[in-house]
Protein backbone atom coordinates (compact mmCIF):
# COMPACT_ATOMS: atom_id res chain seq x y z
CA MET A 1 -101.92 -5.18 121.22
CA TYR A 2 -99.60 -2.31 122.16
CA ASP A 3 -97.88 0.07 119.80
CA ARG A 4 -95.83 2.93 121.23
CA ARG A 5 -96.59 5.04 118.19
CA ILE A 6 -100.33 5.09 119.10
CA VAL A 7 -101.27 7.50 121.89
CA ARG A 8 -103.81 6.18 124.40
CA GLY A 9 -106.04 8.28 126.61
CA ASN A 10 -106.19 12.07 126.96
CA THR A 11 -103.69 14.07 124.88
CA TYR A 12 -104.44 17.56 126.25
CA ALA A 13 -101.80 17.41 128.97
CA GLN A 14 -99.02 16.20 126.69
CA HIS A 15 -96.19 18.62 125.97
CA THR A 16 -95.68 18.75 122.20
CA LEU A 17 -92.86 20.74 120.63
CA PRO A 18 -93.43 22.72 117.44
CA ALA A 19 -92.05 21.37 114.18
CA THR A 20 -89.23 23.96 114.09
CA ALA A 21 -88.14 23.45 117.73
CA GLN A 22 -84.87 21.67 118.54
CA PRO A 23 -84.68 18.76 121.04
CA ASP A 24 -83.42 19.45 124.53
CA PRO A 25 -79.65 18.65 124.70
CA ILE A 26 -79.95 17.76 128.40
CA GLU A 27 -82.64 15.19 127.60
CA ILE A 28 -80.50 13.78 124.76
CA GLN A 29 -77.50 13.52 127.07
CA ARG A 30 -79.60 11.80 129.73
CA GLN A 31 -80.90 9.26 127.19
CA GLN A 32 -77.34 8.60 125.98
CA GLU A 33 -76.20 8.07 129.56
CA ILE A 34 -79.06 5.61 130.19
CA ARG A 35 -78.22 3.75 126.97
CA ARG A 36 -74.52 3.63 127.95
CA ARG A 37 -75.39 2.26 131.39
CA ASN A 38 -77.59 -0.44 129.87
CA VAL A 39 -74.79 -1.49 127.50
CA ALA A 40 -72.26 -1.57 130.37
CA ARG A 41 -74.67 -3.60 132.54
CA LYS A 42 -75.23 -6.09 129.71
CA ARG A 43 -71.47 -6.40 129.11
CA ALA A 44 -70.86 -7.00 132.83
CA ARG A 45 -73.62 -9.62 132.89
CA ASP A 46 -72.02 -11.38 129.93
CA GLN A 47 -68.61 -11.34 131.64
CA LEU A 48 -70.02 -12.77 134.89
CA LYS A 49 -71.75 -15.61 133.03
CA THR A 50 -70.06 -18.95 133.62
CA ARG A 51 -68.22 -20.22 130.59
CA SER A 52 -66.16 -23.23 129.73
CA PRO A 53 -62.39 -22.80 130.07
CA GLU A 54 -60.38 -22.25 126.94
CA PRO A 55 -59.02 -25.47 125.32
CA ILE A 56 -55.34 -26.22 125.60
CA GLU A 57 -53.08 -26.03 122.59
CA GLY A 58 -53.79 -28.74 120.04
CA ARG A 59 -57.40 -29.36 121.17
CA LYS A 60 -60.81 -27.78 120.62
CA HIS A 61 -64.28 -27.80 122.17
CA ILE A 62 -67.10 -29.81 120.61
CA ASP A 63 -70.83 -29.90 121.30
CA VAL A 64 -71.93 -32.87 123.43
CA GLN A 65 -75.49 -34.15 123.96
CA THR A 66 -76.67 -34.06 127.56
CA GLU A 67 -80.08 -35.66 127.08
CA LEU A 68 -81.02 -38.93 128.74
CA TYR A 69 -81.30 -40.82 125.46
CA LEU A 70 -78.47 -40.14 123.02
CA GLU A 71 -79.12 -39.89 119.31
CA GLU A 72 -76.56 -40.32 116.61
CA LEU A 73 -76.20 -37.12 114.60
CA SER A 74 -74.55 -37.31 111.23
CA ASP A 75 -74.66 -35.11 108.16
CA ARG A 76 -73.15 -37.74 105.91
CA VAL A 77 -75.21 -40.14 103.85
CA GLU A 78 -74.43 -43.79 104.44
CA GLU A 79 -72.43 -45.15 101.58
CA ALA A 80 -71.20 -48.62 100.60
CA ASP A 81 -68.63 -49.58 97.98
CA VAL A 82 -69.47 -52.54 95.70
CA ASP A 83 -67.25 -53.73 92.92
CA CYS A 84 -67.20 -56.58 90.40
CA GLN A 85 -64.62 -57.98 88.03
CA THR A 86 -65.29 -58.44 84.31
CA ASP A 87 -63.29 -60.32 81.71
CA ALA A 88 -60.95 -58.34 79.51
CA PHE A 89 -62.20 -57.56 75.98
CA LEU A 90 -60.64 -59.56 73.15
CA ASP A 91 -59.39 -57.73 70.10
CA ARG A 92 -61.92 -57.70 67.28
CA PRO A 93 -60.69 -59.47 64.15
CA PRO A 94 -60.38 -57.35 61.02
CA THR A 95 -63.53 -57.06 58.91
CA PRO A 96 -63.17 -59.06 55.66
CA LEU A 97 -63.49 -57.21 52.34
CA PHE A 98 -67.04 -57.25 50.98
CA ILE A 99 -67.34 -58.94 47.64
CA PRO A 100 -70.90 -59.10 46.28
CA ALA A 101 -72.09 -62.39 44.94
CA LYS A 102 -72.04 -62.76 41.17
CA THR A 103 -75.46 -63.03 39.47
CA GLY A 104 -76.61 -63.46 35.88
CA ARG A 105 -74.70 -64.68 32.87
CA ASP A 106 -71.72 -63.20 31.01
CA ILE A 107 -72.48 -62.21 27.35
CA ALA A 108 -70.04 -60.51 24.95
CA THR A 109 -70.86 -58.39 21.86
CA GLN A 110 -68.47 -57.22 19.15
CA ILE A 111 -68.78 -53.52 18.08
CA TYR A 112 -66.71 -52.04 15.24
CA ASP A 113 -65.61 -48.46 14.71
CA GLY A 114 -68.44 -46.21 13.53
CA ASP A 115 -71.26 -48.51 14.57
CA LEU A 116 -72.46 -46.55 17.65
CA PHE A 117 -71.00 -42.93 17.57
CA ASP A 118 -70.15 -40.40 14.84
CA PHE A 119 -68.30 -37.42 16.32
CA ASP A 120 -69.01 -34.87 13.58
CA LEU A 121 -72.68 -35.69 13.61
CA GLU A 122 -73.11 -35.93 17.39
CA VAL A 123 -71.08 -32.83 18.32
CA LYS A 124 -73.32 -30.30 16.45
CA PRO A 125 -76.24 -30.24 18.96
CA ILE A 126 -73.80 -30.04 21.88
CA LEU A 127 -71.99 -27.06 20.35
CA GLU A 128 -75.30 -25.32 19.57
CA VAL A 129 -76.41 -25.73 23.19
CA LEU A 130 -73.06 -24.46 24.55
CA VAL A 131 -72.97 -21.42 22.28
CA GLY A 132 -76.62 -20.57 22.96
CA LYS A 133 -76.19 -20.85 26.72
CA THR A 134 -73.06 -18.67 26.60
CA VAL A 135 -74.76 -15.93 24.58
CA GLU A 136 -77.84 -16.07 26.81
CA GLN A 137 -75.70 -15.82 29.95
CA ALA A 138 -73.80 -12.85 28.51
CA LEU A 139 -77.06 -11.03 27.72
CA LEU A 140 -78.37 -11.74 31.22
CA GLU A 141 -75.17 -10.34 32.79
CA VAL A 142 -75.41 -7.15 30.67
CA MET A 143 -79.07 -6.65 31.66
CA GLU A 144 -78.19 -7.29 35.29
CA GLU A 145 -75.41 -4.67 35.22
CA GLU A 146 -77.79 -2.09 33.73
CA GLU A 147 -80.41 -2.89 36.37
CA LEU A 148 -77.79 -2.57 39.15
CA ALA A 149 -76.73 0.82 37.78
CA ASN A 150 -80.37 2.01 37.82
CA LEU A 151 -80.80 0.72 41.38
CA ARG A 152 -77.66 2.57 42.53
CA ALA A 153 -78.93 5.82 40.97
CA GLN A 154 -82.31 5.41 42.73
CA GLN A 155 -80.53 4.57 46.00
CA ARG A 156 -78.36 7.71 45.80
CA ALA A 157 -81.41 9.87 45.16
CA PHE A 158 -83.25 8.21 48.06
CA GLU A 159 -80.28 8.67 50.40
CA GLU A 160 -79.99 12.36 49.47
CA LEU A 161 -83.69 12.89 50.24
CA ARG A 162 -83.42 10.89 53.45
CA ASN A 163 -80.32 12.83 54.60
CA ALA A 164 -82.13 16.10 54.00
CA GLU A 165 -85.10 14.87 56.05
CA VAL A 166 -82.76 13.64 58.83
CA VAL A 167 -81.00 17.01 58.97
CA GLU A 168 -84.32 18.81 59.22
CA THR A 169 -85.51 16.39 61.91
CA GLN A 170 -82.31 16.92 63.92
CA ARG A 171 -82.68 20.67 63.62
CA LEU A 172 -86.24 20.51 64.96
CA GLU A 173 -85.21 18.11 67.75
CA GLU A 174 -82.32 20.40 68.74
CA GLN A 175 -84.67 23.39 68.79
CA GLU A 176 -87.13 21.46 70.95
CA ARG A 177 -84.30 20.35 73.25
CA ARG A 178 -83.10 23.93 73.69
CA HIS A 179 -86.62 25.07 74.51
CA ARG A 180 -87.03 22.24 77.04
CA GLU A 181 -83.65 22.92 78.68
CA GLU A 182 -84.42 26.62 78.90
CA LYS A 183 -87.75 25.83 80.51
CA GLU A 184 -86.15 23.42 83.01
CA ARG A 185 -83.40 25.95 83.79
CA ARG A 186 -85.93 28.70 84.46
CA MET A 187 -87.98 26.36 86.69
CA LYS A 188 -84.83 25.25 88.54
CA GLN A 189 -83.80 28.85 89.14
CA GLN A 190 -87.26 29.63 90.49
CA ARG A 191 -87.15 26.58 92.80
CA GLU A 192 -83.69 27.59 94.03
CA VAL A 193 -84.92 31.11 94.74
CA LEU A 194 -87.86 29.74 96.73
CA LYS A 195 -85.56 27.30 98.55
CA LYS A 196 -83.12 30.07 99.47
CA GLU A 197 -85.97 32.19 100.74
CA ARG A 198 -87.19 29.31 102.94
CA GLU A 199 -83.62 28.60 104.15
CA THR A 200 -83.11 32.27 104.94
CA ALA A 201 -86.33 32.38 106.93
CA ASP A 202 -85.37 29.15 108.78
CA LYS A 203 -81.88 30.51 109.52
CA ILE A 204 -83.28 33.76 110.86
CA ALA A 205 -85.70 31.85 113.09
CA ALA A 206 -82.98 29.42 114.22
CA ARG A 207 -80.57 32.26 114.96
CA ALA A 208 -83.14 34.10 117.02
CA PHE A 209 -83.94 30.91 118.94
CA ALA A 210 -80.26 30.08 119.42
CA GLN A 211 -79.47 33.59 120.68
CA SER A 212 -82.30 33.40 123.16
CA TYR A 213 -81.29 29.87 124.22
CA LEU A 214 -77.53 30.44 124.41
CA ALA A 215 -77.70 33.77 126.21
CA ASP A 216 -77.06 32.08 129.58
CA LEU A 217 -75.38 28.92 128.23
CA VAL A 218 -72.19 30.45 126.81
CA PRO A 219 -70.92 32.00 130.09
CA SER A 220 -71.61 28.78 132.01
CA VAL A 221 -69.85 26.68 129.36
CA PHE A 222 -66.79 28.93 129.35
CA GLY A 223 -66.70 28.85 133.14
CA THR A 224 -66.89 25.05 133.22
CA LEU A 225 -64.16 24.75 130.58
CA SER A 226 -61.93 27.15 132.47
CA ASP A 227 -62.45 25.20 135.70
CA ASN A 228 -61.63 21.90 133.94
CA GLY A 229 -58.40 23.26 132.44
CA PHE A 230 -59.34 23.52 128.78
CA PHE A 231 -58.14 27.13 128.62
CA TYR A 232 -54.45 27.15 129.50
CA ASP A 233 -51.32 29.22 129.03
CA PRO A 234 -49.68 28.11 125.74
CA VAL A 235 -46.17 28.98 126.98
CA GLU A 236 -46.60 26.93 130.15
CA ARG A 237 -48.12 24.03 128.22
CA ASP A 238 -45.27 24.18 125.67
CA VAL A 239 -42.70 24.14 128.49
CA GLU A 240 -44.42 21.17 130.16
CA ASN A 241 -45.00 19.14 126.97
CA GLY A 242 -41.99 20.15 124.87
CA PHE A 243 -39.09 21.62 126.86
CA MET A 244 -39.18 19.47 130.01
CA PRO A 245 -39.28 16.10 128.17
CA TRP A 246 -36.46 17.30 125.90
CA ILE A 247 -34.26 18.45 128.79
CA MET A 248 -34.93 15.17 130.65
CA GLU A 249 -34.01 13.21 127.54
CA GLN A 250 -30.75 15.18 127.15
CA VAL A 251 -29.90 14.65 130.83
CA GLU A 252 -30.53 10.92 130.48
CA LYS A 253 -28.26 10.83 127.41
CA GLN A 254 -25.46 12.64 129.29
CA ILE A 255 -25.81 10.32 132.27
CA ASP A 256 -25.75 7.29 129.97
CA LYS A 257 -22.58 8.61 128.30
CA SER A 258 -20.94 9.22 131.69
CA ILE A 259 -21.86 5.73 132.90
CA LEU A 260 -20.57 4.24 129.64
CA GLY A 261 -17.25 6.15 129.98
CA ARG A 262 -16.81 5.04 133.58
CA THR A 263 -17.59 1.45 132.63
CA MET A 264 -15.04 1.53 129.80
CA LEU A 265 -12.42 3.12 132.10
CA ASP A 266 -13.04 0.45 134.76
CA ALA A 267 -12.69 -2.26 132.11
CA ILE A 268 -9.42 -0.75 130.83
CA ILE A 269 -8.01 -0.41 134.39
CA ARG A 270 -9.04 -4.00 135.14
CA ASP A 271 -7.31 -5.27 131.97
CA VAL A 272 -4.12 -3.26 132.78
CA VAL A 273 -4.03 -4.52 136.37
CA LYS A 274 -4.51 -8.10 135.20
CA ALA A 275 -1.70 -7.68 132.61
CA ARG A 276 0.66 -6.13 135.23
CA ALA A 277 -0.13 -8.89 137.73
CA ALA A 278 0.59 -11.53 135.09
CA ALA A 279 3.89 -9.80 134.16
CA TYR A 280 4.95 -9.51 137.81
CA PHE A 281 4.06 -13.15 138.38
CA LYS A 282 6.13 -14.22 135.36
CA LEU A 283 9.09 -12.02 136.56
CA GLU A 284 8.90 -13.52 140.02
CA GLU A 285 8.84 -17.02 138.57
CA SER A 286 11.88 -16.22 136.39
CA GLN A 287 13.78 -14.83 139.44
CA ARG A 288 12.94 -17.94 141.41
CA ASP A 289 14.17 -20.12 138.55
CA ALA A 290 17.41 -18.08 138.33
CA GLU A 291 17.99 -18.47 142.10
CA ARG A 292 17.41 -22.21 141.84
CA ILE A 293 19.85 -22.45 138.92
CA ALA A 294 22.49 -20.37 140.81
CA GLN A 295 22.11 -22.52 143.93
CA ALA A 296 22.48 -25.68 141.84
CA ALA A 297 25.59 -24.28 140.09
CA GLN A 298 27.13 -23.24 143.42
CA ALA A 299 26.53 -26.70 144.86
CA LEU A 300 28.12 -28.34 141.84
CA LEU A 301 31.12 -25.96 142.02
CA ASP A 302 31.64 -26.64 145.74
CA GLN A 303 31.47 -30.33 145.11
CA GLU A 304 34.10 -30.09 142.33
CA LEU A 305 36.39 -27.91 144.50
CA ASN A 306 36.18 -30.36 147.37
CA SER A 307 37.04 -33.26 145.12
CA ASP A 308 40.02 -31.34 143.63
CA ALA A 309 41.30 -30.46 147.10
CA VAL A 310 41.16 -34.07 148.24
CA GLU A 311 43.10 -35.22 145.16
CA GLY A 312 45.76 -32.46 145.69
CA VAL A 313 46.34 -33.54 149.29
CA ASP A 314 46.77 -37.16 148.24
CA GLN A 315 49.38 -36.19 145.64
CA ALA A 316 51.25 -33.80 147.93
CA GLU A 317 52.03 -36.35 150.67
CA PRO A 318 54.53 -38.50 148.61
CA ALA A 319 56.19 -35.41 147.20
CA ALA A 320 56.68 -33.99 150.71
CA GLU A 321 58.61 -36.98 151.83
CA SER A 322 61.12 -36.75 148.92
CA GLN A 323 61.41 -32.96 148.75
CA PRO A 324 60.34 -31.29 151.95
CA GLU A 325 61.69 -27.90 151.01
CA ALA A 326 59.86 -27.73 147.72
CA VAL A 327 56.67 -28.63 149.45
CA ALA A 328 57.22 -25.86 151.94
CA ASP A 329 57.81 -23.34 149.17
CA THR A 330 54.72 -24.37 147.11
CA GLY A 331 52.26 -24.66 150.00
CA GLY A 332 51.32 -20.98 149.97
CA PRO A 333 50.36 -20.75 146.34
CA VAL A 334 48.21 -23.85 146.58
CA GLU A 335 46.28 -22.38 149.42
CA GLY A 336 46.04 -19.12 147.53
CA GLU A 337 44.62 -20.89 144.54
CA GLY A 338 42.12 -22.61 146.76
CA GLU A 339 41.04 -19.29 148.22
CA GLU A 340 40.71 -17.77 144.83
CA GLY A 341 38.69 -20.75 143.65
CA GLY A 342 36.49 -20.46 146.71
CA GLY A 343 35.91 -16.76 146.02
CA GLU A 344 34.48 -17.28 142.60
CA PRO A 345 31.17 -18.69 143.82
CA ASP A 346 30.86 -15.64 146.10
CA ASP A 347 31.13 -13.41 143.05
CA ASP A 348 28.58 -15.52 141.24
CA GLU A 349 26.22 -15.26 144.12
């Protein structure tokens, strides 16, 4: 049997620290590092252990027997439902009224007034009993009231005596309590004085030990902290942690605003260009429609002028045969009218 609290073998060579000595911080740090490594090694071993994949959504893993012979495992007790049908109860008929059977013989007797009872004679003993009981009860009540009054007087006297004894007892108990509290307070003060003396002696010893132990530790610690960057310039750290992030944030905001303005301007220019292109397209379509309408009107006008000229020539031939001079005089104006009519489409164009 092994117990690490029991020392085996020679104990002369063992290094034992005094009761007031502090443990070595380097040894404590080394033990913590070993413990941390063991925990990390165990965690890595658990992660490398083969595990079943996670179930898909809607399913879950269950334990399955892998032995050669399977055994049915069930926590439920086997149950069976059995039922039977009984006839319905019939209503109970009402219980008939009980009438006892008649026994004996009926006999009648005639009694006249005054044969069995005389009120004046029979009432005297009853009245005597009632009056006697009433008087006796009244006397008993009076005696009882007197006795109760005597008992109350004795009770008041007893309570006064008892209250006086209780007051005296409380006074003595309070005096004893004050003496006990004073004794406990004096003992507590003495214990506190002794405790403070021991604490003062322990603090003086601990301070002397700490000064001797930390004489070379403080410069090395400050040097290590300075090398690792724990002592820094507050202005430089404030500029790095406060001013630079703020200025970068402001620059990003300005750039975002500029990009937003340019995007809005591009969108506005795009909308204006699209509107102008649509207006120009509509204007061009309207001009084309006007040109088509003018060409159609000119064609119709030319066709009408040609038809009018043909009809005028047909009418002028018979008139020329009958009046040649009049035809010669009116030929110029007809041609002039035709020229004027032909010039109108030019003006329209």
